[in-house]
Amino acid sequence: MPLHIVHVDVHVLPEHVEAFRAATLLNARESLREPGIARFDVLQRADEPTRFRLVEVYRTPEAPAAHKQTPHYLAWRDAVAPMMAAPRSSAVFANVHPDDAGF
């Protein structure tokens, strides 16, 4: 079964960029401790620093639901909600390359 990859796009209010980064880095580091997560990247656009992309690589299709029940995710979700300029959006991908062993 290929990895389950989610890209989450977030547009943050300018006055909350640093607080969003801090909260998101904490969530990402804690997420990497979950057995169902192979990778959790936090990216910030160089040309538009209020825009972020989270790249979440899950080992199974069920792992995202488990992730959304963790204390660190719930704390992140509640902390960053008022920091967003618009609701976050996501897209789900199946891994093609590198093969899953490369993660």
PDB file of N, CA and C in Angstrom:
ATOM      1  N   MET A   1       0.848  -1.170   0.000  1.00  0.00           N
ATOM      2  CA  MET A   1       0.000   0.000   0.000  1.00  0.00           C
ATOM      3  C   MET A   1       0.900   1.242   0.000  1.00  0.00           C
ATOM      4  N   PRO A   2       0.692   2.148  -0.944  1.00  0.00           N
ATOM      5  CA  PRO A   2       1.557   3.344  -0.974  1.00  0.00           C
ATOM      6  C   PRO A   2       1.305   4.260   0.223  1.00  0.00           C
ATOM      7  N   LEU A   3       2.294   5.058   0.501  1.00  0.00           N
ATOM      8  CA  LEU A   3       2.160   6.043   1.565  1.00  0.00           C
ATOM      9  C   LEU A   3       1.000   6.984   1.264  1.00  0.00           C
ATOM     10  N   HIS A   4       0.439   7.536   2.292  1.00  0.00           N
ATOM     11  CA  HIS A   4      -0.680   8.476   2.214  1.00  0.00           C
ATOM     12  C   HIS A   4      -0.089   9.858   2.507  1.00  0.00           C
ATOM     13  N   ILE A   5      -0.099  10.741   1.526  1.00  0.00           N
ATOM     14  CA  ILE A   5       0.570  12.037   1.669  1.00  0.00           C
ATOM     15  C   ILE A   5      -0.462  13.158   1.589  1.00  0.00           C
ATOM     16  N   VAL A   6      -0.394  14.059   2.558  1.00  0.00           N
ATOM     17  CA  VAL A   6      -1.327  15.176   2.614  1.00  0.00           C
ATOM     18  C   VAL A   6      -0.530  16.477   2.539  1.00  0.00           C
ATOM     19  N   HIS A   7      -0.944  17.360   1.628  1.00  0.00           N
ATOM     20  CA  HIS A   7      -0.406  18.714   1.574  1.00  0.00           C
ATOM     21  C   HIS A   7      -1.467  19.640   2.149  1.00  0.00           C
ATOM     22  N   VAL A   8      -1.090  20.401   3.157  1.00  0.00           N
ATOM     23  CA  VAL A   8      -2.002  21.342   3.793  1.00  0.00           C
ATOM     24  C   VAL A   8      -1.481  22.743   3.514  1.00  0.00           C
ATOM     25  N   ASP A   9      -2.316  23.572   2.910  1.00  0.00           N
ATOM     26  CA  ASP A   9      -1.949  24.952   2.620  1.00  0.00           C
ATOM     27  C   ASP A   9      -2.615  25.875   3.621  1.00  0.00           C
ATOM     28  N   VAL A  10      -1.807  26.782   4.177  1.00  0.00           N
ATOM     29  CA  VAL A  10      -2.295  27.689   5.208  1.00  0.00           C
ATOM     30  C   VAL A  10      -1.862  29.110   4.866  1.00  0.00           C
ATOM     31  N   HIS A  11      -2.807  30.032   4.919  1.00  0.00           N
ATOM     32  CA  HIS A  11      -2.529  31.458   4.753  1.00  0.00           C
ATOM     33  C   HIS A  11      -2.713  32.103   6.123  1.00  0.00           C
ATOM     34  N   VAL A  12      -1.635  32.654   6.641  1.00  0.00           N
ATOM     35  CA  VAL A  12      -1.604  33.193   7.997  1.00  0.00           C
ATOM     36  C   VAL A  12      -1.681  34.721   7.949  1.00  0.00           C
ATOM     37  N   LEU A  13      -2.360  35.300   8.916  1.00  0.00           N
ATOM     38  CA  LEU A  13      -2.376  36.753   9.042  1.00  0.00           C
ATOM     39  C   LEU A  13      -0.957  37.241   9.323  1.00  0.00           C
ATOM     40  N   PRO A  14      -0.535  38.350   8.711  1.00  0.00           N
ATOM     41  CA  PRO A  14       0.856  38.803   8.851  1.00  0.00           C
ATOM     42  C   PRO A  14       1.326  38.965  10.293  1.00  0.00           C
ATOM     43  N   GLU A  15       0.461  39.422  11.155  1.00  0.00           N
ATOM     44  CA  GLU A  15       0.866  39.655  12.548  1.00  0.00           C
ATOM     45  C   GLU A  15       1.031  38.363  13.349  1.00  0.00           C
ATOM     46  N   HIS A  16       0.666  37.233  12.762  1.00  0.00           N
ATOM     47  CA  HIS A  16       0.748  35.956  13.469  1.00  0.00           C
ATOM     48  C   HIS A  16       1.769  34.986  12.875  1.00  0.00           C
ATOM     49  N   VAL A  17       2.557  35.432  11.918  1.00  0.00           N
ATOM     50  CA  VAL A  17       3.480  34.517  11.233  1.00  0.00           C
ATOM     51  C   VAL A  17       4.425  33.827  12.222  1.00  0.00           C
ATOM     52  N   GLU A  18       5.057  34.562  13.096  1.00  0.00           N
ATOM     53  CA  GLU A  18       6.029  33.958  14.012  1.00  0.00           C
ATOM     54  C   GLU A  18       5.364  33.016  15.008  1.00  0.00           C
ATOM     55  N   ALA A  19       4.209  33.406  15.527  1.00  0.00           N
ATOM     56  CA  ALA A  19       3.491  32.537  16.464  1.00  0.00           C
ATOM     57  C   ALA A  19       3.010  31.269  15.752  1.00  0.00           C
ATOM     58  N   PHE A  20       2.562  31.408  14.510  1.00  0.00           N
ATOM     59  CA  PHE A  20       2.146  30.237  13.743  1.00  0.00           C
ATOM     60  C   PHE A  20       3.325  29.302  13.517  1.00  0.00           C
ATOM     61  N   ARG A  21       4.458  29.869  13.129  1.00  0.00           N
ATOM     62  CA  ARG A  21       5.654  29.040  12.921  1.00  0.00           C
ATOM     63  C   ARG A  21       6.012  28.261  14.184  1.00  0.00           C
ATOM     64  N   ALA A  22       6.027  28.941  15.313  1.00  0.00           N
ATOM     65  CA  ALA A  22       6.398  28.287  16.573  1.00  0.00           C
ATOM     66  C   ALA A  22       5.426  27.163  16.914  1.00  0.00           C
ATOM     67  N   ALA A  23       4.135  27.415  16.823  1.00  0.00           N
ATOM     68  CA  ALA A  23       3.142  26.391  17.139  1.00  0.00           C
ATOM     69  C   ALA A  23       3.221  25.220  16.162  1.00  0.00           C
ATOM     70  N   THR A  24       3.469  25.517  14.918  1.00  0.00           N
ATOM     71  CA  THR A  24       3.506  24.473  13.891  1.00  0.00           C
ATOM     72  C   THR A  24       4.764  23.626  14.015  1.00  0.00           C
ATOM     73  N   LEU A  25       5.878  24.237  14.344  1.00  0.00           N
ATOM     74  CA  LEU A  25       7.099  23.464  14.559  1.00  0.00           C
ATOM     75  C   LEU A  25       6.951  22.524  15.753  1.00  0.00           C
ATOM     76  N   LEU A  26       6.318  22.982  16.800  1.00  0.00           N
ATOM     77  CA  LEU A  26       6.070  22.117  17.956  1.00  0.00           C
ATOM     78  C   LEU A  26       5.194  20.932  17.553  1.00  0.00           C
ATOM     79  N   ASN A  27       4.131  21.201  16.816  1.00  0.00           N
ATOM     80  CA  ASN A  27       3.250  20.131  16.349  1.00  0.00           C
ATOM     81  C   ASN A  27       4.000  19.164  15.434  1.00  0.00           C
ATOM     82  N   ALA A  28       4.814  19.675  14.534  1.00  0.00           N
ATOM     83  CA  ALA A  28       5.552  18.814  13.606  1.00  0.00           C
ATOM     84  C   ALA A  28       6.523  17.906  14.348  1.00  0.00           C
ATOM     85  N   ARG A  29       7.239  18.468  15.298  1.00  0.00           N
ATOM     86  CA  ARG A  29       8.216  17.659  16.049  1.00  0.00           C
ATOM     87  C   ARG A  29       7.528  16.558  16.856  1.00  0.00           C
ATOM     88  N   GLU A  30       6.404  16.889  17.467  1.00  0.00           N
ATOM     89  CA  GLU A  30       5.655  15.880  18.221  1.00  0.00           C
ATOM     90  C   GLU A  30       5.033  14.852  17.280  1.00  0.00           C
ATOM     91  N   SER A  31       4.596  15.294  16.117  1.00  0.00           N
ATOM     92  CA  SER A  31       3.979  14.381  15.150  1.00  0.00           C
ATOM     93  C   SER A  31       4.959  13.317  14.688  1.00  0.00           C
ATOM     94  N   LEU A  32       6.216  13.677  14.563  1.00  0.00           N
ATOM     95  CA  LEU A  32       7.224  12.709  14.116  1.00  0.00           C
ATOM     96  C   LEU A  32       7.424  11.570  15.109  1.00  0.00           C
ATOM     97  N   ARG A  33       6.930  11.721  16.322  1.00  0.00           N
ATOM     98  CA  ARG A  33       7.006  10.645  17.325  1.00  0.00           C
ATOM     99  C   ARG A  33       5.900   9.601  17.127  1.00  0.00           C
ATOM    100  N   GLU A  34       4.910   9.936  16.315  1.00  0.00           N
ATOM    101  CA  GLU A  34       3.792   9.018  16.077  1.00  0.00           C
ATOM    102  C   GLU A  34       4.259   7.887  15.153  1.00  0.00           C
ATOM    103  N   PRO A  35       3.897   6.651  15.462  1.00  0.00           N
ATOM    104  CA  PRO A  35       4.329   5.540  14.612  1.00  0.00           C
ATOM    105  C   PRO A  35       3.750   5.591  13.200  1.00  0.00           C
ATOM    106  N   GLY A  36       2.616   6.256  13.020  1.00  0.00           N
ATOM    107  CA  GLY A  36       1.981   6.310  11.704  1.00  0.00           C
ATOM    108  C   GLY A  36       2.502   7.402  10.791  1.00  0.00           C
ATOM    109  N   ILE A  37       3.423   8.226  11.286  1.00  0.00           N
ATOM    110  CA  ILE A  37       3.935   9.334  10.479  1.00  0.00           C
ATOM    111  C   ILE A  37       5.375   9.061  10.077  1.00  0.00           C
ATOM    112  N   ALA A  38       5.622   9.097   8.767  1.00  0.00           N
ATOM    113  CA  ALA A  38       6.964   8.889   8.233  1.00  0.00           C
ATOM    114  C   ALA A  38       7.717  10.204   8.076  1.00  0.00           C
ATOM    115  N   ARG A  39       6.984  11.291   7.853  1.00  0.00           N
ATOM    116  CA  ARG A  39       7.618  12.579   7.604  1.00  0.00           C
ATOM    117  C   ARG A  39       6.590  13.680   7.855  1.00  0.00           C
ATOM    118  N   PHE A  40       7.067  14.832   8.319  1.00  0.00           N
ATOM    119  CA  PHE A  40       6.196  15.976   8.559  1.00  0.00           C
ATOM    120  C   PHE A  40       7.010  17.225   8.273  1.00  0.00           C
ATOM    121  N   ASP A  41       6.830  17.794   7.091  1.00  0.00           N
ATOM    122  CA  ASP A  41       7.598  18.964   6.677  1.00  0.00           C
ATOM    123  C   ASP A  41       6.776  20.235   6.847  1.00  0.00           C
ATOM    124  N   VAL A  42       7.439  21.300   7.257  1.00  0.00           N
ATOM    125  CA  VAL A  42       6.825  22.622   7.368  1.00  0.00           C
ATOM    126  C   VAL A  42       7.576  23.530   6.407  1.00  0.00           C
ATOM    127  N   LEU A  43       6.847  24.058   5.427  1.00  0.00           N
ATOM    128  CA  LEU A  43       7.449  24.918   4.412  1.00  0.00           C
ATOM    129  C   LEU A  43       6.798  26.290   4.464  1.00  0.00           C
ATOM    130  N   GLN A  44       7.626  27.331   4.253  1.00  0.00           N
ATOM    131  CA  GLN A  44       7.138  28.704   4.216  1.00  0.00           C
ATOM    132  C   GLN A  44       7.553  29.303   2.889  1.00  0.00           C
ATOM    133  N   ARG A  45       6.613  29.911   2.181  1.00  0.00           N
ATOM    134  CA  ARG A  45       6.941  30.480   0.872  1.00  0.00           C
ATOM    135  C   ARG A  45       7.946  31.614   1.024  1.00  0.00           C
ATOM    136  N   ALA A  46       8.976  31.570   0.206  1.00  0.00           N
ATOM    137  CA  ALA A  46      10.018  32.595   0.251  1.00  0.00           C
ATOM    138  C   ALA A  46       9.500  33.934  -0.267  1.00  0.00           C
ATOM    139  N   ASP A  47       8.622  33.893  -1.258  1.00  0.00           N
ATOM    140  CA  ASP A  47       8.129  35.129  -1.866  1.00  0.00           C
ATOM    141  C   ASP A  47       6.866  35.672  -1.205  1.00  0.00           C
ATOM    142  N   GLU A  48       6.268  34.895  -0.316  1.00  0.00           N
ATOM    143  CA  GLU A  48       5.053  35.300   0.374  1.00  0.00           C
ATOM    144  C   GLU A  48       5.028  34.630   1.747  1.00  0.00           C
ATOM    145  N   PRO A  49       5.735  35.199   2.727  1.00  0.00           N
ATOM    146  CA  PRO A  49       5.962  34.522   4.012  1.00  0.00           C
ATOM    147  C   PRO A  49       4.724  34.271   4.866  1.00  0.00           C
ATOM    148  N   THR A  50       3.568  34.756   4.453  1.00  0.00           N
ATOM    149  CA  THR A  50       2.340  34.444   5.192  1.00  0.00           C
ATOM    150  C   THR A  50       1.709  33.130   4.722  1.00  0.00           C
ATOM    151  N   ARG A  51       2.340  32.478   3.760  1.00  0.00           N
ATOM    152  CA  ARG A  51       1.787  31.227   3.216  1.00  0.00           C
ATOM    153  C   ARG A  51       2.705  30.054   3.563  1.00  0.00           C
ATOM    154  N   PHE A  52       2.077  29.019   4.085  1.00  0.00           N
ATOM    155  CA  PHE A  52       2.787  27.823   4.521  1.00  0.00           C
ATOM    156  C   PHE A  52       2.194  26.603   3.836  1.00  0.00           C
ATOM    157  N   ARG A  53       3.016  25.580   3.703  1.00  0.00           N
ATOM    158  CA  ARG A  53       2.545  24.262   3.259  1.00  0.00           C
ATOM    159  C   ARG A  53       3.103  23.239   4.228  1.00  0.00           C
ATOM    160  N   LEU A  54       2.222  22.398   4.733  1.00  0.00           N
ATOM    161  CA  LEU A  54       2.618  21.268   5.560  1.00  0.00           C
ATOM    162  C   LEU A  54       2.548  20.035   4.679  1.00  0.00           C
ATOM    163  N   VAL A  55       3.611  19.256   4.666  1.00  0.00           N
ATOM    164  CA  VAL A  55       3.646  18.010   3.900  1.00  0.00           C
ATOM    165  C   VAL A  55       3.715  16.881   4.918  1.00  0.00           C
ATOM    166  N   GLU A  56       2.616  16.172   5.034  1.00  0.00           N
ATOM    167  CA  GLU A  56       2.472  15.126   6.039  1.00  0.00           C
ATOM    168  C   GLU A  56       2.471  13.772   5.325  1.00  0.00           C
ATOM    169  N   VAL A  57       3.423  12.925   5.660  1.00  0.00           N
ATOM    170  CA  VAL A  57       3.544  11.615   5.020  1.00  0.00           C
ATOM    171  C   VAL A  57       3.174  10.550   6.045  1.00  0.00           C
ATOM    172  N   TYR A  58       2.061   9.874   5.772  1.00  0.00           N
ATOM    173  CA  TYR A  58       1.528   8.855   6.673  1.00  0.00           C
ATOM    174  C   TYR A  58       1.807   7.462   6.125  1.00  0.00           C
ATOM    175  N   ARG A  59       2.033   6.529   7.021  1.00  0.00           N
ATOM    176  CA  ARG A  59       2.334   5.146   6.620  1.00  0.00           C
ATOM    177  C   ARG A  59       1.095   4.378   6.159  1.00  0.00           C
ATOM    178  N   THR A  60      -0.084   4.791   6.615  1.00  0.00           N
ATOM    179  CA  THR A  60      -1.323   4.125   6.231  1.00  0.00           C
ATOM    180  C   THR A  60      -2.418   5.166   6.025  1.00  0.00           C
ATOM    181  N   PRO A  61      -3.481   4.812   5.311  1.00  0.00           N
ATOM    182  CA  PRO A  61      -4.597   5.758   5.153  1.00  0.00           C
ATOM    183  C   PRO A  61      -5.312   6.066   6.472  1.00  0.00           C
ATOM    184  N   GLU A  62      -5.169   5.194   7.463  1.00  0.00           N
ATOM    185  CA  GLU A  62      -5.816   5.415   8.760  1.00  0.00           C
ATOM    186  C   GLU A  62      -5.026   6.350   9.679  1.00  0.00           C
ATOM    187  N   ALA A  63      -3.753   6.523   9.411  1.00  0.00           N
ATOM    188  CA  ALA A  63      -2.891   7.308  10.301  1.00  0.00           C
ATOM    189  C   ALA A  63      -3.311   8.772  10.448  1.00  0.00           C
ATOM    190  N   PRO A  64      -3.830   9.439   9.399  1.00  0.00           N
ATOM    191  CA  PRO A  64      -4.257  10.832   9.609  1.00  0.00           C
ATOM    192  C   PRO A  64      -5.352  10.972  10.669  1.00  0.00           C
ATOM    193  N   ALA A  65      -6.285  10.041  10.698  1.00  0.00           N
ATOM    194  CA  ALA A  65      -7.348  10.111  11.710  1.00  0.00           C
ATOM    195  C   ALA A  65      -6.771   9.942  13.110  1.00  0.00           C
ATOM    196  N   ALA A  66      -5.814   9.038  13.257  1.00  0.00           N
ATOM    197  CA  ALA A  66      -5.164   8.857  14.561  1.00  0.00           C
ATOM    198  C   ALA A  66      -4.404  10.119  14.957  1.00  0.00           C
ATOM    199  N   HIS A  67      -3.725  10.735  14.001  1.00  0.00           N
ATOM    200  CA  HIS A  67      -2.980  11.969  14.253  1.00  0.00           C
ATOM    201  C   HIS A  67      -3.912  13.063  14.774  1.00  0.00           C
ATOM    202  N   LYS A  68      -5.099  13.154  14.202  1.00  0.00           N
ATOM    203  CA  LYS A  68      -6.030  14.215  14.580  1.00  0.00           C
ATOM    204  C   LYS A  68      -6.648  14.012  15.967  1.00  0.00           C
ATOM    205  N   GLN A  69      -6.318  12.917  16.624  1.00  0.00           N
ATOM    206  CA  GLN A  69      -6.790  12.672  17.991  1.00  0.00           C
ATOM    207  C   GLN A  69      -5.709  12.944  19.041  1.00  0.00           C
ATOM    208  N   THR A  70      -4.494  13.262  18.600  1.00  0.00           N
ATOM    209  CA  THR A  70      -3.390  13.448  19.542  1.00  0.00           C
ATOM    210  C   THR A  70      -3.492  14.797  20.257  1.00  0.00           C
ATOM    211  N   PRO A  71      -3.007  14.860  21.476  1.00  0.00           N
ATOM    212  CA  PRO A  71      -3.041  16.137  22.210  1.00  0.00           C
ATOM    213  C   PRO A  71      -2.287  17.255  21.488  1.00  0.00           C
ATOM    214  N   HIS A  72      -1.142  16.939  20.871  1.00  0.00           N
ATOM    215  CA  HIS A  72      -0.380  18.008  20.216  1.00  0.00           C
ATOM    216  C   HIS A  72      -1.100  18.553  18.993  1.00  0.00           C
ATOM    217  N   TYR A  73      -1.789  17.691  18.225  1.00  0.00           N
ATOM    218  CA  TYR A  73      -2.553  18.188  17.079  1.00  0.00           C
ATOM    219  C   TYR A  73      -3.719  19.056  17.547  1.00  0.00           C
ATOM    220  N   LEU A  74      -4.453  18.570  18.543  1.00  0.00           N
ATOM    221  CA  LEU A  74      -5.605  19.328  19.040  1.00  0.00           C
ATOM    222  C   LEU A  74      -5.185  20.689  19.583  1.00  0.00           C
ATOM    223  N   ALA A  75      -4.062  20.735  20.284  1.00  0.00           N
ATOM    224  CA  ALA A  75      -3.546  22.014  20.798  1.00  0.00           C
ATOM    225  C   ALA A  75      -3.161  22.934  19.641  1.00  0.00           C
ATOM    226  N   TRP A  76      -2.492  22.374  18.625  1.00  0.00           N
ATOM    227  CA  TRP A  76      -2.104  23.168  17.451  1.00  0.00           C
ATOM    228  C   TRP A  76      -3.342  23.714  16.750  1.00  0.00           C
ATOM    229  N   ARG A  77      -4.301  22.851  16.485  1.00  0.00           N
ATOM    230  CA  ARG A  77      -5.523  23.253  15.775  1.00  0.00           C
ATOM    231  C   ARG A  77      -6.197  24.433  16.465  1.00  0.00           C
ATOM    232  N   ASP A  78      -6.335  24.335  17.774  1.00  0.00           N
ATOM    233  CA  ASP A  78      -7.006  25.398  18.517  1.00  0.00           C
ATOM    234  C   ASP A  78      -6.164  26.670  18.582  1.00  0.00           C
ATOM    235  N   ALA A  79      -4.854  26.522  18.712  1.00  0.00           N
ATOM    236  CA  ALA A  79      -3.979  27.692  18.820  1.00  0.00           C
ATOM    237  C   ALA A  79      -3.903  28.474  17.517  1.00  0.00           C
ATOM    238  N   VAL A  80      -3.847  27.787  16.385  1.00  0.00           N
ATOM    239  CA  VAL A  80      -3.620  28.489  15.116  1.00  0.00           C
ATOM    240  C   VAL A  80      -4.899  28.939  14.425  1.00  0.00           C
ATOM    241  N   ALA A  81      -6.046  28.447  14.823  1.00  0.00           N
ATOM    242  CA  ALA A  81      -7.300  28.813  14.149  1.00  0.00           C
ATOM    243  C   ALA A  81      -7.483  30.324  14.025  1.00  0.00           C
ATOM    244  N   PRO A  82      -7.267  31.110  15.089  1.00  0.00           N
ATOM    245  CA  PRO A  82      -7.458  32.555  14.942  1.00  0.00           C
ATOM    246  C   PRO A  82      -6.313  33.258  14.202  1.00  0.00           C
ATOM    247  N   MET A  83      -5.261  32.539  13.885  1.00  0.00           N
ATOM    248  CA  MET A  83      -4.120  33.129  13.178  1.00  0.00           C
ATOM    249  C   MET A  83      -4.277  33.090  11.662  1.00  0.00           C
ATOM    250  N   MET A  84      -5.274  32.381  11.172  1.00  0.00           N
ATOM    251  CA  MET A  84      -5.397  32.148   9.737  1.00  0.00           C
ATOM    252  C   MET A  84      -6.188  33.246   9.042  1.00  0.00           C
ATOM    253  N   ALA A  85      -5.695  33.628   7.856  1.00  0.00           N
ATOM    254  CA  ALA A  85      -6.382  34.613   7.031  1.00  0.00           C
ATOM    255  C   ALA A  85      -7.559  33.985   6.292  1.00  0.00           C
ATOM    256  N   ALA A  86      -7.501  32.660   6.117  1.00  0.00           N
ATOM    257  CA  ALA A  86      -8.553  31.907   5.431  1.00  0.00           C
ATOM    258  C   ALA A  86      -8.498  30.478   5.954  1.00  0.00           C
ATOM    259  N   PRO A  87      -9.571  29.727   5.793  1.00  0.00           N
ATOM    260  CA  PRO A  87      -9.518  28.322   6.232  1.00  0.00           C
ATOM    261  C   PRO A  87      -8.419  27.565   5.481  1.00  0.00           C
ATOM    262  N   ARG A  88      -7.750  26.664   6.190  1.00  0.00           N
ATOM    263  CA  ARG A  88      -6.708  25.880   5.539  1.00  0.00           C
ATOM    264  C   ARG A  88      -7.346  24.909   4.553  1.00  0.00           C
ATOM    265  N   SER A  89      -6.578  24.513   3.554  1.00  0.00           N
ATOM    266  CA  SER A  89      -7.066  23.554   2.565  1.00  0.00           C
ATOM    267  C   SER A  89      -6.060  22.414   2.472  1.00  0.00           C
ATOM    268  N   SER A  90      -6.525  21.272   1.959  1.00  0.00           N
ATOM    269  CA  SER A  90      -5.620  20.134   1.852  1.00  0.00           C
ATOM    270  C   SER A  90      -5.927  19.323   0.602  1.00  0.00           C
ATOM    271  N   ALA A  91      -4.924  18.570   0.200  1.00  0.00           N
ATOM    272  CA  ALA A  91      -5.043  17.641  -0.920  1.00  0.00           C
ATOM    273  C   ALA A  91      -4.290  16.383  -0.542  1.00  0.00           C
ATOM    274  N   VAL A  92      -4.839  15.232  -0.934  1.00  0.00           N
ATOM    275  CA  VAL A  92      -4.246  13.942  -0.601  1.00  0.00           C
ATOM    276  C   VAL A  92      -3.601  13.362  -1.855  1.00  0.00           C
ATOM    277  N   PHE A  93      -2.393  12.804  -1.665  1.00  0.00           N
ATOM    278  CA  PHE A  93      -1.626  12.231  -2.762  1.00  0.00           C
ATOM    279  C   PHE A  93      -1.223  10.804  -2.414  1.00  0.00           C
ATOM    280  N   ALA A  94      -1.003  10.003  -3.451  1.00  0.00           N
ATOM    281  CA  ALA A  94      -0.387   8.684  -3.301  1.00  0.00           C
ATOM    282  C   ALA A  94       1.054   8.817  -3.758  1.00  0.00           C
ATOM    283  N   ASN A  95       1.957   8.182  -3.062  1.00  0.00           N
ATOM    284  CA  ASN A  95       3.373   8.257  -3.386  1.00  0.00           C
ATOM    285  C   ASN A  95       3.677   7.545  -4.708  1.00  0.00           C
ATOM    286  N   VAL A  96       4.520   8.175  -5.535  1.00  0.00           N
ATOM    287  CA  VAL A  96       4.982   7.579  -6.784  1.00  0.00           C
ATOM    288  C   VAL A  96       6.490   7.377  -6.740  1.00  0.00           C
ATOM    289  N   HIS A  97       7.232   8.424  -6.344  1.00  0.00           N
ATOM    290  CA  HIS A  97       8.689   8.343  -6.314  1.00  0.00           C
ATOM    291  C   HIS A  97       9.216   9.325  -5.279  1.00  0.00           C
ATOM    292  N   PRO A  98      10.208   9.009  -4.481  1.00  0.00           N
ATOM    293  CA  PRO A  98      10.886   7.725  -4.416  1.00  0.00           C
ATOM    294  C   PRO A  98       9.956   6.658  -3.860  1.00  0.00           C
ATOM    295  N   ASP A  99      10.332   5.409  -3.986  1.00  0.00           N
ATOM    296  CA  ASP A  99       9.444   4.378  -3.469  1.00  0.00           C
ATOM    297  C   ASP A  99       9.322   4.524  -1.961  1.00  0.00           C
ATOM    298  N   ASP A 100       8.340   3.885  -1.396  1.00  0.00           N
ATOM    299  CA  ASP A 100       8.016   4.084   0.017  1.00  0.00           C
ATOM    300  C   ASP A 100       9.182   3.782   0.949  1.00  0.00           C
ATOM    301  N   ALA A 101      10.065   2.903   0.538  1.00  0.00           N
ATOM    302  CA  ALA A 101      11.228   2.580   1.370  1.00  0.00           C
ATOM    303  C   ALA A 101      12.164   3.782   1.518  1.00  0.00           C
ATOM    304  N   GLY A 102      12.045   4.756   0.620  1.00  0.00           N
ATOM    305  CA  GLY A 102      12.891   5.939   0.679  1.00  0.00           C
ATOM    306  C   GLY A 102      12.484   6.941   1.752  1.00  0.00           C
ATOM    307  N   PHE A 103      11.376   6.682   2.439  1.00  0.00           N
ATOM    308  CA  PHE A 103      10.929   7.623   3.463  1.00  0.00           C
ATOM    309  C   PHE A 103      11.360   7.183   4.827  1.00  0.00           C
TER     310      PHE A 103
END
